[in-house]
């Protein structure tokens, strides 16, 4: 993935001058702001749902240096990529524990030891 407006313009068949004008007319934001917003959204999605480390996400988004990605992310969100990704992880662990406890309770309540059917 790239964050350069020129690369987006070439991929879409626009000239490097036409795409920024069209983007500004359609969204009220510059092409660079729009590309950064999309990159930030993708970074958030990858950090939350993929389990990738910040270094891997930085590479995926076209950052050559992890510290540049961290600065980019922190400037726009107020938190580091690691802190953003860690916000959800304790809830997921708690959710897994709750599922485990629930399946043990169901298995204990089952009058017949029928293995998998009662453990759901």
PDB file of N, CA and C in Angstrom:
ATOM      1  N   UNK A   1       0.852  -1.175   0.000  1.00  0.00           N
ATOM      2  CA  UNK A   1       0.000   0.000   0.000  1.00  0.00           C
ATOM      3  C   UNK A   1       0.894   1.234   0.000  1.00  0.00           C
ATOM      4  N   UNK A   2       0.439   2.260  -0.635  1.00  0.00           N
ATOM      5  CA  UNK A   2       1.197   3.495  -0.715  1.00  0.00           C
ATOM      6  C   UNK A   2       0.399   4.642  -0.099  1.00  0.00           C
ATOM      7  N   UNK A   3       1.103   5.679   0.268  1.00  0.00           N
ATOM      8  CA  UNK A   3       0.422   6.855   0.813  1.00  0.00           C
ATOM      9  C   UNK A   3       0.645   8.080  -0.065  1.00  0.00           C
ATOM     10  N   UNK A   4       1.284   7.899  -1.220  1.00  0.00           N
ATOM     11  CA  UNK A   4       1.576   9.008  -2.112  1.00  0.00           C
ATOM     12  C   UNK A   4       0.410   9.264  -3.053  1.00  0.00           C
ATOM     13  N   UNK A   5       0.013  10.529  -3.171  1.00  0.00           N
ATOM     14  CA  UNK A   5      -1.099  10.907  -4.032  1.00  0.00           C
ATOM     15  C   UNK A   5      -0.786  10.576  -5.489  1.00  0.00           C
ATOM     16  N   UNK A   6       0.469  10.741  -5.889  1.00  0.00           N
ATOM     17  CA  UNK A   6       0.857  10.451  -7.266  1.00  0.00           C
ATOM     18  C   UNK A   6       0.611   8.980  -7.618  1.00  0.00           C
ATOM     19  N   UNK A   7       0.857   8.092  -6.677  1.00  0.00           N
ATOM     20  CA  UNK A   7       0.631   6.664  -6.914  1.00  0.00           C
ATOM     21  C   UNK A   7      -0.858   6.356  -7.046  1.00  0.00           C
ATOM     22  N   UNK A   8      -1.683   6.981  -6.210  1.00  0.00           N
ATOM     23  CA  UNK A   8      -3.129   6.801  -6.318  1.00  0.00           C
ATOM     24  C   UNK A   8      -3.630   7.337  -7.647  1.00  0.00           C
ATOM     25  N   UNK A   9      -3.139   8.506  -8.069  1.00  0.00           N
ATOM     26  CA  UNK A   9      -3.560   9.103  -9.336  1.00  0.00           C
ATOM     27  C   UNK A   9      -3.220   8.177 -10.504  1.00  0.00           C
ATOM     28  N   UNK A  10      -2.019   7.622 -10.502  1.00  0.00           N
ATOM     29  CA  UNK A  10      -1.615   6.717 -11.575  1.00  0.00           C
ATOM     30  C   UNK A  10      -2.475   5.456 -11.587  1.00  0.00           C
ATOM     31  N   UNK A  11      -2.765   4.928 -10.420  1.00  0.00           N
ATOM     32  CA  UNK A  11      -3.578   3.708 -10.333  1.00  0.00           C
ATOM     33  C   UNK A  11      -5.013   3.947 -10.821  1.00  0.00           C
ATOM     34  N   UNK A  12      -5.516   5.150 -10.623  1.00  0.00           N
ATOM     35  CA  UNK A  12      -6.885   5.479 -11.019  1.00  0.00           C
ATOM     36  C   UNK A  12      -6.976   6.071 -12.420  1.00  0.00           C
ATOM     37  N   UNK A  13      -5.837   6.313 -13.038  1.00  0.00           N
ATOM     38  CA  UNK A  13      -5.840   6.873 -14.386  1.00  0.00           C
ATOM     39  C   UNK A  13      -6.018   8.381 -14.425  1.00  0.00           C
ATOM     40  N   UNK A  14      -5.745   9.059 -13.326  1.00  0.00           N
ATOM     41  CA  UNK A  14      -5.820  10.518 -13.256  1.00  0.00           C
ATOM     42  C   UNK A  14      -4.419  11.103 -13.368  1.00  0.00           C
ATOM     43  N   UNK A  15      -4.349  12.356 -13.732  1.00  0.00           N
ATOM     44  CA  UNK A  15      -3.055  13.031 -13.677  1.00  0.00           C
ATOM     45  C   UNK A  15      -2.801  13.424 -12.229  1.00  0.00           C
ATOM     46  N   UNK A  16      -1.545  13.613 -11.857  1.00  0.00           N
ATOM     47  CA  UNK A  16      -1.245  13.998 -10.467  1.00  0.00           C
ATOM     48  C   UNK A  16      -1.879  15.327 -10.055  1.00  0.00           C
ATOM     49  N   UNK A  17      -2.301  16.138 -11.005  1.00  0.00           N
ATOM     50  CA  UNK A  17      -2.962  17.407 -10.665  1.00  0.00           C
ATOM     51  C   UNK A  17      -4.480  17.266 -10.618  1.00  0.00           C
ATOM     52  N   UNK A  18      -5.038  16.331 -11.387  1.00  0.00           N
ATOM     53  CA  UNK A  18      -6.496  16.185 -11.453  1.00  0.00           C
ATOM     54  C   UNK A  18      -7.080  15.521 -10.215  1.00  0.00           C
ATOM     55  N   UNK A  19      -6.395  14.517  -9.717  1.00  0.00           N
ATOM     56  CA  UNK A  19      -6.918  13.787  -8.556  1.00  0.00           C
ATOM     57  C   UNK A  19      -7.075  14.682  -7.330  1.00  0.00           C
ATOM     58  N   UNK A  20      -6.105  15.506  -6.989  1.00  0.00           N
ATOM     59  CA  UNK A  20      -6.318  16.387  -5.829  1.00  0.00           C
ATOM     60  C   UNK A  20      -7.504  17.338  -6.008  1.00  0.00           C
ATOM     61  N   UNK A  21      -7.678  17.852  -7.224  1.00  0.00           N
ATOM     62  CA  UNK A  21      -8.827  18.749  -7.465  1.00  0.00           C
ATOM     63  C   UNK A  21     -10.151  18.000  -7.338  1.00  0.00           C
ATOM     64  N   UNK A  22     -10.202  16.804  -7.899  1.00  0.00           N
ATOM     65  CA  UNK A  22     -11.430  16.012  -7.829  1.00  0.00           C
ATOM     66  C   UNK A  22     -11.740  15.600  -6.387  1.00  0.00           C
ATOM     67  N   UNK A  23     -10.711  15.230  -5.653  1.00  0.00           N
ATOM     68  CA  UNK A  23     -10.887  14.826  -4.255  1.00  0.00           C
ATOM     69  C   UNK A  23     -11.386  15.995  -3.414  1.00  0.00           C
ATOM     70  N   UNK A  24     -10.812  17.164  -3.625  1.00  0.00           N
ATOM     71  CA  UNK A  24     -11.225  18.352  -2.878  1.00  0.00           C
ATOM     72  C   UNK A  24     -12.670  18.723  -3.196  1.00  0.00           C
ATOM     73  N   UNK A  25     -13.054  18.617  -4.460  1.00  0.00           N
ATOM     74  CA  UNK A  25     -14.425  18.937  -4.850  1.00  0.00           C
ATOM     75  C   UNK A  25     -15.428  17.943  -4.269  1.00  0.00           C
ATOM     76  N   UNK A  26     -15.057  16.660  -4.237  1.00  0.00           N
ATOM     77  CA  UNK A  26     -15.985  15.617  -3.780  1.00  0.00           C
ATOM     78  C   UNK A  26     -16.072  15.507  -2.261  1.00  0.00           C
ATOM     79  N   UNK A  27     -14.943  15.706  -1.566  1.00  0.00           N
ATOM     80  CA  UNK A  27     -14.924  15.434  -0.124  1.00  0.00           C
ATOM     81  C   UNK A  27     -14.687  16.660   0.743  1.00  0.00           C
ATOM     82  N   UNK A  28     -14.168  17.727   0.140  1.00  0.00           N
ATOM     83  CA  UNK A  28     -13.839  18.910   0.938  1.00  0.00           C
ATOM     84  C   UNK A  28     -12.509  18.765   1.652  1.00  0.00           C
ATOM     85  N   UNK A  29     -11.794  17.722   1.362  1.00  0.00           N
ATOM     86  CA  UNK A  29     -10.479  17.465   1.956  1.00  0.00           C
ATOM     87  C   UNK A  29      -9.472  17.301   0.828  1.00  0.00           C
ATOM     88  N   UNK A  30      -8.221  17.595   1.113  1.00  0.00           N
ATOM     89  CA  UNK A  30      -7.199  17.405   0.092  1.00  0.00           C
ATOM     90  C   UNK A  30      -6.982  15.915  -0.140  1.00  0.00           C
ATOM     91  N   UNK A  31      -6.375  15.590  -1.265  1.00  0.00           N
ATOM     92  CA  UNK A  31      -6.111  14.183  -1.586  1.00  0.00           C
ATOM     93  C   UNK A  31      -5.173  13.567  -0.556  1.00  0.00           C
ATOM     94  N   UNK A  32      -4.196  14.327  -0.092  1.00  0.00           N
ATOM     95  CA  UNK A  32      -3.261  13.819   0.923  1.00  0.00           C
ATOM     96  C   UNK A  32      -3.994  13.539   2.235  1.00  0.00           C
ATOM     97  N   UNK A  33      -4.877  14.448   2.647  1.00  0.00           N
ATOM     98  CA  UNK A  33      -5.651  14.216   3.875  1.00  0.00           C
ATOM     99  C   UNK A  33      -6.525  12.972   3.725  1.00  0.00           C
ATOM    100  N   UNK A  34      -7.135  12.836   2.565  1.00  0.00           N
ATOM    101  CA  UNK A  34      -8.000  11.689   2.334  1.00  0.00           C
ATOM    102  C   UNK A  34      -7.190  10.385   2.352  1.00  0.00           C
ATOM    103  N   UNK A  35      -6.036  10.393   1.694  1.00  0.00           N
ATOM    104  CA  UNK A  35      -5.182   9.204   1.681  1.00  0.00           C
ATOM    105  C   UNK A  35      -4.691   8.879   3.087  1.00  0.00           C
ATOM    106  N   UNK A  36      -4.331   9.898   3.865  1.00  0.00           N
ATOM    107  CA  UNK A  36      -3.898   9.665   5.249  1.00  0.00           C
ATOM    108  C   UNK A  36      -5.041   9.111   6.096  1.00  0.00           C
ATOM    109  N   UNK A  37      -6.248   9.626   5.896  1.00  0.00           N
ATOM    110  CA  UNK A  37      -7.408   9.109   6.637  1.00  0.00           C
ATOM    111  C   UNK A  37      -7.651   7.639   6.325  1.00  0.00           C
ATOM    112  N   UNK A  38      -7.544   7.277   5.056  1.00  0.00           N
ATOM    113  CA  UNK A  38      -7.742   5.880   4.670  1.00  0.00           C
ATOM    114  C   UNK A  38      -6.636   4.992   5.241  1.00  0.00           C
ATOM    115  N   UNK A  39      -5.403   5.510   5.200  1.00  0.00           N
ATOM    116  CA  UNK A  39      -4.286   4.755   5.778  1.00  0.00           C
ATOM    117  C   UNK A  39      -4.452   4.553   7.269  1.00  0.00           C
ATOM    118  N   UNK A  40      -4.928   5.589   7.955  1.00  0.00           N
ATOM    119  CA  UNK A  40      -5.153   5.491   9.396  1.00  0.00           C
ATOM    120  C   UNK A  40      -6.268   4.484   9.703  1.00  0.00           C
ATOM    121  N   UNK A  41      -7.321   4.517   8.915  1.00  0.00           N
ATOM    122  CA  UNK A  41      -8.409   3.558   9.107  1.00  0.00           C
ATOM    123  C   UNK A  41      -7.920   2.127   8.913  1.00  0.00           C
ATOM    124  N   UNK A  42      -7.105   1.930   7.879  1.00  0.00           N
ATOM    125  CA  UNK A  42      -6.554   0.598   7.634  1.00  0.00           C
ATOM    126  C   UNK A  42      -5.619   0.181   8.764  1.00  0.00           C
ATOM    127  N   UNK A  43      -4.814   1.117   9.262  1.00  0.00           N
ATOM    128  CA  UNK A  43      -3.910   0.816  10.377  1.00  0.00           C
ATOM    129  C   UNK A  43      -4.707   0.401  11.612  1.00  0.00           C
ATOM    130  N   UNK A  44      -5.761   1.119  11.914  1.00  0.00           N
ATOM    131  CA  UNK A  44      -6.603   0.776  13.066  1.00  0.00           C
ATOM    132  C   UNK A  44      -7.207  -0.618  12.896  1.00  0.00           C
ATOM    133  N   UNK A  45      -7.691  -0.881  11.697  1.00  0.00           N
ATOM    134  CA  UNK A  45      -8.307  -2.183  11.440  1.00  0.00           C
ATOM    135  C   UNK A  45      -7.290  -3.307  11.610  1.00  0.00           C
ATOM    136  N   UNK A  46      -6.099  -3.115  11.065  1.00  0.00           N
ATOM    137  CA  UNK A  46      -5.073  -4.150  11.181  1.00  0.00           C
ATOM    138  C   UNK A  46      -4.616  -4.337  12.625  1.00  0.00           C
ATOM    139  N   UNK A  47      -4.464  -3.246  13.358  1.00  0.00           N
ATOM    140  CA  UNK A  47      -4.019  -3.351  14.751  1.00  0.00           C
ATOM    141  C   UNK A  47      -5.068  -4.040  15.617  1.00  0.00           C
ATOM    142  N   UNK A  48      -6.328  -3.786  15.359  1.00  0.00           N
ATOM    143  CA  UNK A  48      -7.397  -4.376  16.166  1.00  0.00           C
ATOM    144  C   UNK A  48      -7.683  -5.828  15.838  1.00  0.00           C
ATOM    145  N   UNK A  49      -7.711  -6.131  14.547  1.00  0.00           N
ATOM    146  CA  UNK A  49      -8.280  -7.417  14.148  1.00  0.00           C
ATOM    147  C   UNK A  49      -7.299  -8.437  13.578  1.00  0.00           C
ATOM    148  N   UNK A  50      -6.085  -8.028  13.242  1.00  0.00           N
ATOM    149  CA  UNK A  50      -5.185  -8.982  12.592  1.00  0.00           C
ATOM    150  C   UNK A  50      -4.179  -9.606  13.553  1.00  0.00           C
ATOM    151  N   UNK A  51      -3.926  -8.950  14.675  1.00  0.00           N
ATOM    152  CA  UNK A  51      -2.914  -9.439  15.589  1.00  0.00           C
ATOM    153  C   UNK A  51      -1.498  -9.109  15.151  1.00  0.00           C
ATOM    154  N   UNK A  52      -1.357  -8.302  14.106  1.00  0.00           N
ATOM    155  CA  UNK A  52      -0.030  -7.905  13.638  1.00  0.00           C
ATOM    156  C   UNK A  52       0.590  -6.896  14.589  1.00  0.00           C
ATOM    157  N   UNK A  53       1.904  -6.920  14.689  1.00  0.00           N
ATOM    158  CA  UNK A  53       2.631  -5.934  15.487  1.00  0.00           C
ATOM    159  C   UNK A  53       2.691  -4.622  14.713  1.00  0.00           C
ATOM    160  N   UNK A  54       2.984  -3.537  15.418  1.00  0.00           N
ATOM    161  CA  UNK A  54       3.056  -2.216  14.797  1.00  0.00           C
ATOM    162  C   UNK A  54       4.083  -2.192  13.671  1.00  0.00           C
ATOM    163  N   UNK A  55       5.183  -2.912  13.831  1.00  0.00           N
ATOM    164  CA  UNK A  55       6.217  -2.953  12.798  1.00  0.00           C
ATOM    165  C   UNK A  55       5.680  -3.580  11.510  1.00  0.00           C
ATOM    166  N   UNK A  56       4.903  -4.637  11.646  1.00  0.00           N
ATOM    167  CA  UNK A  56       4.326  -5.291  10.476  1.00  0.00           C
ATOM    168  C   UNK A  56       3.271  -4.418   9.800  1.00  0.00           C
ATOM    169  N   UNK A  57       2.458  -3.747  10.599  1.00  0.00           N
ATOM    170  CA  UNK A  57       1.452  -2.838  10.054  1.00  0.00           C
ATOM    171  C   UNK A  57       2.128  -1.684   9.326  1.00  0.00           C
ATOM    172  N   UNK A  58       3.207  -1.158   9.903  1.00  0.00           N
ATOM    173  CA  UNK A  58       3.958  -0.074   9.268  1.00  0.00           C
ATOM    174  C   UNK A  58       4.457  -0.501   7.894  1.00  0.00           C
ATOM    175  N   UNK A  59       5.006  -1.683   7.792  1.00  0.00           N
ATOM    176  CA  UNK A  59       5.476  -2.180   6.511  1.00  0.00           C
ATOM    177  C   UNK A  59       4.349  -2.371   5.521  1.00  0.00           C
ATOM    178  N   UNK A  60       3.232  -2.880   5.997  1.00  0.00           N
ATOM    179  CA  UNK A  60       2.058  -3.112   5.151  1.00  0.00           C
ATOM    180  C   UNK A  60       1.548  -1.795   4.576  1.00  0.00           C
ATOM    181  N   UNK A  61       1.616  -0.723   5.352  1.00  0.00           N
ATOM    182  CA  UNK A  61       1.106   0.570   4.911  1.00  0.00           C
ATOM    183  C   UNK A  61       2.129   1.404   4.145  1.00  0.00           C
ATOM    184  N   UNK A  62       3.323   0.874   3.946  1.00  0.00           N
ATOM    185  CA  UNK A  62       4.307   1.564   3.143  1.00  0.00           C
ATOM    186  C   UNK A  62       5.277   2.445   3.899  1.00  0.00           C
ATOM    187  N   UNK A  63       5.298   2.346   5.212  1.00  0.00           N
ATOM    188  CA  UNK A  63       6.266   3.103   6.007  1.00  0.00           C
ATOM    189  C   UNK A  63       7.580   2.335   6.013  1.00  0.00           C
ATOM    190  N   UNK A  64       8.675   3.030   5.741  1.00  0.00           N
ATOM    191  CA  UNK A  64       9.973   2.364   5.735  1.00  0.00           C
ATOM    192  C   UNK A  64      10.548   2.246   7.141  1.00  0.00           C
ATOM    193  N   UNK A  65      10.077   3.088   8.047  1.00  0.00           N
ATOM    194  CA  UNK A  65      10.596   3.101   9.414  1.00  0.00           C
ATOM    195  C   UNK A  65       9.421   3.033  10.394  1.00  0.00           C
ATOM    196  N   UNK A  66       9.515   2.166  11.363  1.00  0.00           N
ATOM    197  CA  UNK A  66       8.440   2.018  12.348  1.00  0.00           C
ATOM    198  C   UNK A  66       8.227   3.300  13.149  1.00  0.00           C
ATOM    199  N   UNK A  67       9.299   4.035  13.414  1.00  0.00           N
ATOM    200  CA  UNK A  67       9.136   5.268  14.194  1.00  0.00           C
ATOM    201  C   UNK A  67       8.339   6.310  13.412  1.00  0.00           C
ATOM    202  N   UNK A  68       8.460   6.327  12.077  1.00  0.00           N
ATOM    203  CA  UNK A  68       7.642   7.242  11.264  1.00  0.00           C
ATOM    204  C   UNK A  68       6.168   6.867  11.373  1.00  0.00           C
ATOM    205  N   UNK A  69       5.883   5.571  11.329  1.00  0.00           N
ATOM    206  CA  UNK A  69       4.501   5.112  11.476  1.00  0.00           C
ATOM    207  C   UNK A  69       3.957   5.466  12.854  1.00  0.00           C
ATOM    208  N   UNK A  70       4.762   5.275  13.884  1.00  0.00           N
ATOM    209  CA  UNK A  70       4.326   5.599  15.248  1.00  0.00           C
ATOM    210  C   UNK A  70       4.003   7.084  15.373  1.00  0.00           C
ATOM    211  N   UNK A  71       4.846   7.931  14.818  1.00  0.00           N
ATOM    212  CA  UNK A  71       4.581   9.378  14.844  1.00  0.00           C
ATOM    213  C   UNK A  71       3.304   9.715  14.084  1.00  0.00           C
ATOM    214  N   UNK A  72       3.151   9.146  12.891  1.00  0.00           N
ATOM    215  CA  UNK A  72       1.950   9.347  12.081  1.00  0.00           C
ATOM    216  C   UNK A  72       0.700   8.948  12.864  1.00  0.00           C
ATOM    217  N   UNK A  73       0.742   7.775  13.470  1.00  0.00           N
ATOM    218  CA  UNK A  73      -0.415   7.237  14.189  1.00  0.00           C
ATOM    219  C   UNK A  73      -0.719   8.055  15.443  1.00  0.00           C
ATOM    220  N   UNK A  74       0.312   8.358  16.229  1.00  0.00           N
ATOM    221  CA  UNK A  74       0.113   9.088  17.481  1.00  0.00           C
ATOM    222  C   UNK A  74      -0.371  10.510  17.230  1.00  0.00           C
ATOM    223  N   UNK A  75       0.110  11.160  16.172  1.00  0.00           N
ATOM    224  CA  UNK A  75      -0.313  12.515  15.837  1.00  0.00           C
ATOM    225  C   UNK A  75      -1.810  12.565  15.533  1.00  0.00           C
ATOM    226  N   UNK A  76      -2.335  11.526  14.909  1.00  0.00           N
ATOM    227  CA  UNK A  76      -3.740  11.520  14.497  1.00  0.00           C
ATOM    228  C   UNK A  76      -4.688  10.905  15.518  1.00  0.00           C
ATOM    229  N   UNK A  77      -4.188  10.047  16.393  1.00  0.00           N
ATOM    230  CA  UNK A  77      -5.082   9.376  17.347  1.00  0.00           C
ATOM    231  C   UNK A  77      -4.831   9.749  18.799  1.00  0.00           C
ATOM    232  N   UNK A  78      -3.622  10.226  19.097  1.00  0.00           N
ATOM    233  CA  UNK A  78      -3.286  10.558  20.479  1.00  0.00           C
ATOM    234  C   UNK A  78      -2.705   9.403  21.272  1.00  0.00           C
ATOM    235  N   UNK A  79      -2.639   8.221  20.677  1.00  0.00           N
ATOM    236  CA  UNK A  79      -2.044   7.051  21.344  1.00  0.00           C
ATOM    237  C   UNK A  79      -1.088   6.362  20.376  1.00  0.00           C
ATOM    238  N   UNK A  80      -0.179   5.582  20.915  1.00  0.00           N
ATOM    239  CA  UNK A  80       0.742   4.833  20.072  1.00  0.00           C
ATOM    240  C   UNK A  80       0.020   3.630  19.475  1.00  0.00           C
ATOM    241  N   UNK A  81       0.548   3.079  18.389  1.00  0.00           N
ATOM    242  CA  UNK A  81      -0.082   1.889  17.803  1.00  0.00           C
ATOM    243  C   UNK A  81      -0.158   0.717  18.787  1.00  0.00           C
ATOM    244  N   UNK A  82       0.875   0.535  19.583  1.00  0.00           N
ATOM    245  CA  UNK A  82       0.857  -0.550  20.563  1.00  0.00           C
ATOM    246  C   UNK A  82      -0.238  -0.376  21.590  1.00  0.00           C
ATOM    247  N   UNK A  83      -0.400   0.846  22.088  1.00  0.00           N
ATOM    248  CA  UNK A  83      -1.456   1.120  23.073  1.00  0.00           C
ATOM    249  C   UNK A  83      -2.834   0.946  22.447  1.00  0.00           C
ATOM    250  N   UNK A  84      -2.977   1.340  21.192  1.00  0.00           N
ATOM    251  CA  UNK A  84      -4.261   1.190  20.504  1.00  0.00           C
ATOM    252  C   UNK A  84      -4.621  -0.281  20.353  1.00  0.00           C
ATOM    253  N   UNK A  85      -3.655  -1.105  19.950  1.00  0.00           N
ATOM    254  CA  UNK A  85      -3.904  -2.531  19.794  1.00  0.00           C
ATOM    255  C   UNK A  85      -4.162  -3.229  21.115  1.00  0.00           C
ATOM    256  N   UNK A  86      -3.527  -2.747  22.198  1.00  0.00           N
ATOM    257  CA  UNK A  86      -3.686  -3.381  23.504  1.00  0.00           C
ATOM    258  C   UNK A  86      -5.022  -3.075  24.150  1.00  0.00           C
ATOM    259  N   UNK A  87      -5.704  -2.045  23.701  1.00  0.00           N
ATOM    260  CA  UNK A  87      -7.000  -1.701  24.303  1.00  0.00           C
ATOM    261  C   UNK A  87      -7.991  -2.844  24.215  1.00  0.00           C
ATOM    262  N   UNK A  88      -7.991  -3.567  23.111  1.00  0.00           N
ATOM    263  CA  UNK A  88      -8.972  -4.630  22.905  1.00  0.00           C
ATOM    264  C   UNK A  88      -8.525  -5.968  23.479  1.00  0.00           C
ATOM    265  N   UNK A  89      -7.246  -6.203  23.547  1.00  0.00           N
ATOM    266  CA  UNK A  89      -6.755  -7.527  23.926  1.00  0.00           C
ATOM    267  C   UNK A  89      -7.232  -8.012  25.293  1.00  0.00           C
ATOM    268  N   UNK A  90      -7.254  -7.179  26.354  1.00  0.00           N
ATOM    269  CA  UNK A  90      -7.758  -7.696  27.623  1.00  0.00           C
ATOM    270  C   UNK A  90      -9.217  -8.141  27.544  1.00  0.00           C
ATOM    271  N   UNK A  91     -10.033  -7.459  26.730  1.00  0.00           N
ATOM    272  CA  UNK A  91     -11.429  -7.844  26.600  1.00  0.00           C
ATOM    273  C   UNK A  91     -11.545  -9.192  25.893  1.00  0.00           C
ATOM    274  N   UNK A  92     -10.730  -9.409  24.883  1.00  0.00           N
ATOM    275  CA  UNK A  92     -10.759 -10.680  24.168  1.00  0.00           C
ATOM    276  C   UNK A  92     -10.370 -11.812  25.105  1.00  0.00           C
ATOM    277  N   UNK A  93      -9.340 -11.587  25.936  1.00  0.00           N
ATOM    278  CA  UNK A  93      -8.916 -12.610  26.883  1.00  0.00           C
ATOM    279  C   UNK A  93     -10.019 -12.889  27.895  1.00  0.00           C
ATOM    280  N   UNK A  94     -10.674 -11.866  28.372  1.00  0.00           N
ATOM    281  CA  UNK A  94     -11.766 -12.037  29.306  1.00  0.00           C
ATOM    282  C   UNK A  94     -12.900 -12.808  28.649  1.00  0.00           C
ATOM    283  N   UNK A  95     -13.194 -12.473  27.410  1.00  0.00           N
ATOM    284  CA  UNK A  95     -14.241 -13.155  26.687  1.00  0.00           C
ATOM    285  C   UNK A  95     -13.911 -14.639  26.533  1.00  0.00           C
ATOM    286  N   UNK A  96     -12.671 -14.959  26.240  1.00  0.00           N
ATOM    287  CA  UNK A  96     -12.264 -16.359  26.105  1.00  0.00           C
ATOM    288  C   UNK A  96     -12.399 -17.089  27.440  1.00  0.00           C
ATOM    289  N   UNK A  97     -12.043 -16.402  28.526  1.00  0.00           N
ATOM    290  CA  UNK A  97     -12.189 -17.008  29.854  1.00  0.00           C
ATOM    291  C   UNK A  97     -13.656 -17.271  30.164  1.00  0.00           C
ATOM    292  N   UNK A  98     -14.503 -16.317  29.817  1.00  0.00           N
ATOM    293  CA  UNK A  98     -15.926 -16.503  30.068  1.00  0.00           C
ATOM    294  C   UNK A  98     -16.464 -17.702  29.288  1.00  0.00           C
ATOM    295  N   UNK A  99     -16.032 -17.846  28.027  1.00  0.00           N
ATOM    296  CA  UNK A  99     -16.475 -18.991  27.225  1.00  0.00           C
ATOM    297  C   UNK A  99     -16.004 -20.296  27.847  1.00  0.00           C
ATOM    298  N   UNK A 100     -14.774 -20.320  28.319  1.00  0.00           N
ATOM    299  CA  UNK A 100     -14.213 -21.518  28.928  1.00  0.00           C
ATOM    300  C   UNK A 100     -14.997 -21.891  30.187  1.00  0.00           C
ATOM    301  N   UNK A 101     -15.279 -20.892  31.018  1.00  0.00           N
ATOM    302  CA  UNK A 101     -16.044 -21.131  32.248  1.00  0.00           C
ATOM    303  C   UNK A 101     -17.444 -21.625  31.920  1.00  0.00           C
ATOM    304  N   UNK A 102     -18.065 -21.022  30.901  1.00  0.00           N
ATOM    305  CA  UNK A 102     -19.417 -21.412  30.518  1.00  0.00           C
ATOM    306  C   UNK A 102     -19.435 -22.867  30.049  1.00  0.00           C
ATOM    307  N   UNK A 103     -18.462 -23.268  29.222  1.00  0.00           N
ATOM    308  CA  UNK A 103     -18.458 -24.645  28.720  1.00  0.00           C
ATOM    309  C   UNK A 103     -18.219 -25.631  29.853  1.00  0.00           C
ATOM    310  N   UNK A 104     -17.399 -25.277  30.844  1.00  0.00           N
ATOM    311  CA  UNK A 104     -17.189 -26.176  31.984  1.00  0.00           C
ATOM    312  C   UNK A 104     -18.480 -26.325  32.791  1.00  0.00           C
ATOM    313  N   UNK A 105     -19.204 -25.197  32.959  1.00  0.00           N
ATOM    314  CA  UNK A 105     -20.465 -25.262  33.698  1.00  0.00           C
ATOM    315  C   UNK A 105     -21.460 -26.160  32.990  1.00  0.00           C
ATOM    316  N   UNK A 106     -21.580 -26.014  31.660  1.00  0.00           N
ATOM    317  CA  UNK A 106     -22.509 -26.831  30.892  1.00  0.00           C
ATOM    318  C   UNK A 106     -22.103 -28.291  30.976  1.00  0.00           C
ATOM    319  N   UNK A 107     -20.823 -28.572  30.880  1.00  0.00           N
ATOM    320  CA  UNK A 107     -20.359 -29.959  30.955  1.00  0.00           C
ATOM    321  C   UNK A 107     -20.664 -30.556  32.321  1.00  0.00           C
ATOM    322  N   UNK A 108     -20.540 -29.754  33.391  1.00  0.00           N
ATOM    323  CA  UNK A 108     -20.837 -30.268  34.736  1.00  0.00           C
ATOM    324  C   UNK A 108     -22.317 -30.523  34.923  1.00  0.00           C
ATOM    325  N   UNK A 109     -23.164 -29.710  34.280  1.00  0.00           N
ATOM    326  CA  UNK A 109     -24.598 -29.861  34.452  1.00  0.00           C
ATOM    327  C   UNK A 109     -25.178 -31.000  33.618  1.00  0.00           C
ATOM    328  N   UNK A 110     -24.434 -31.465  32.656  1.00  0.00           N
ATOM    329  CA  UNK A 110     -24.918 -32.524  31.781  1.00  0.00           C
ATOM    330  C   UNK A 110     -25.061 -33.827  32.572  1.00  0.00           C
ATOM    331  N   UNK A 111     -26.241 -34.420  32.587  1.00  0.00           N
ATOM    332  CA  UNK A 111     -26.434 -35.650  33.346  1.00  0.00           C
ATOM    333  C   UNK A 111     -25.744 -36.860  32.707  1.00  0.00           C
ATOM    334  N   UNK A 112     -25.514 -36.783  31.411  1.00  0.00           N
ATOM    335  CA  UNK A 112     -24.868 -37.876  30.704  1.00  0.00           C
ATOM    336  C   UNK A 112     -23.546 -37.341  30.159  1.00  0.00           C
ATOM    337  N   UNK A 113     -22.511 -38.110  30.268  1.00  0.00           N
ATOM    338  CA  UNK A 113     -21.213 -37.673  29.767  1.00  0.00           C
ATOM    339  C   UNK A 113     -21.153 -37.933  28.268  1.00  0.00           C
ATOM    340  N   UNK A 114     -21.668 -36.961  27.485  1.00  0.00           N
ATOM    341  CA  UNK A 114     -21.781 -37.175  26.038  1.00  0.00           C
ATOM    342  C   UNK A 114     -20.790 -36.346  25.244  1.00  0.00           C
ATOM    343  N   UNK A 115     -19.719 -35.977  25.791  1.00  0.00           N
ATOM    344  CA  UNK A 115     -18.573 -35.271  25.200  1.00  0.00           C
ATOM    345  C   UNK A 115     -18.937 -33.951  24.528  1.00  0.00           C
ATOM    346  N   UNK A 116     -18.824 -33.849  23.232  1.00  0.00           N
ATOM    347  CA  UNK A 116     -18.853 -32.539  22.576  1.00  0.00           C
ATOM    348  C   UNK A 116     -20.221 -31.887  22.533  1.00  0.00           C
ATOM    349  N   UNK A 117     -21.295 -32.653  22.449  1.00  0.00           N
ATOM    350  CA  UNK A 117     -22.617 -32.041  22.278  1.00  0.00           C
ATOM    351  C   UNK A 117     -22.992 -31.156  23.459  1.00  0.00           C
ATOM    352  N   UNK A 118     -22.660 -31.512  24.651  1.00  0.00           N
ATOM    353  CA  UNK A 118     -23.038 -30.735  25.817  1.00  0.00           C
ATOM    354  C   UNK A 118     -22.038 -29.639  26.160  1.00  0.00           C
ATOM    355  N   UNK A 119     -20.907 -29.621  25.543  1.00  0.00           N
ATOM    356  CA  UNK A 119     -19.881 -28.639  25.875  1.00  0.00           C
ATOM    357  C   UNK A 119     -20.011 -27.351  25.095  1.00  0.00           C
ATOM    358  N   UNK A 120     -20.975 -27.176  24.311  1.00  0.00           N
ATOM    359  CA  UNK A 120     -21.132 -25.943  23.528  1.00  0.00           C
ATOM    360  C   UNK A 120     -21.613 -24.816  24.381  1.00  0.00           C
TER     361      UNK A 120
END
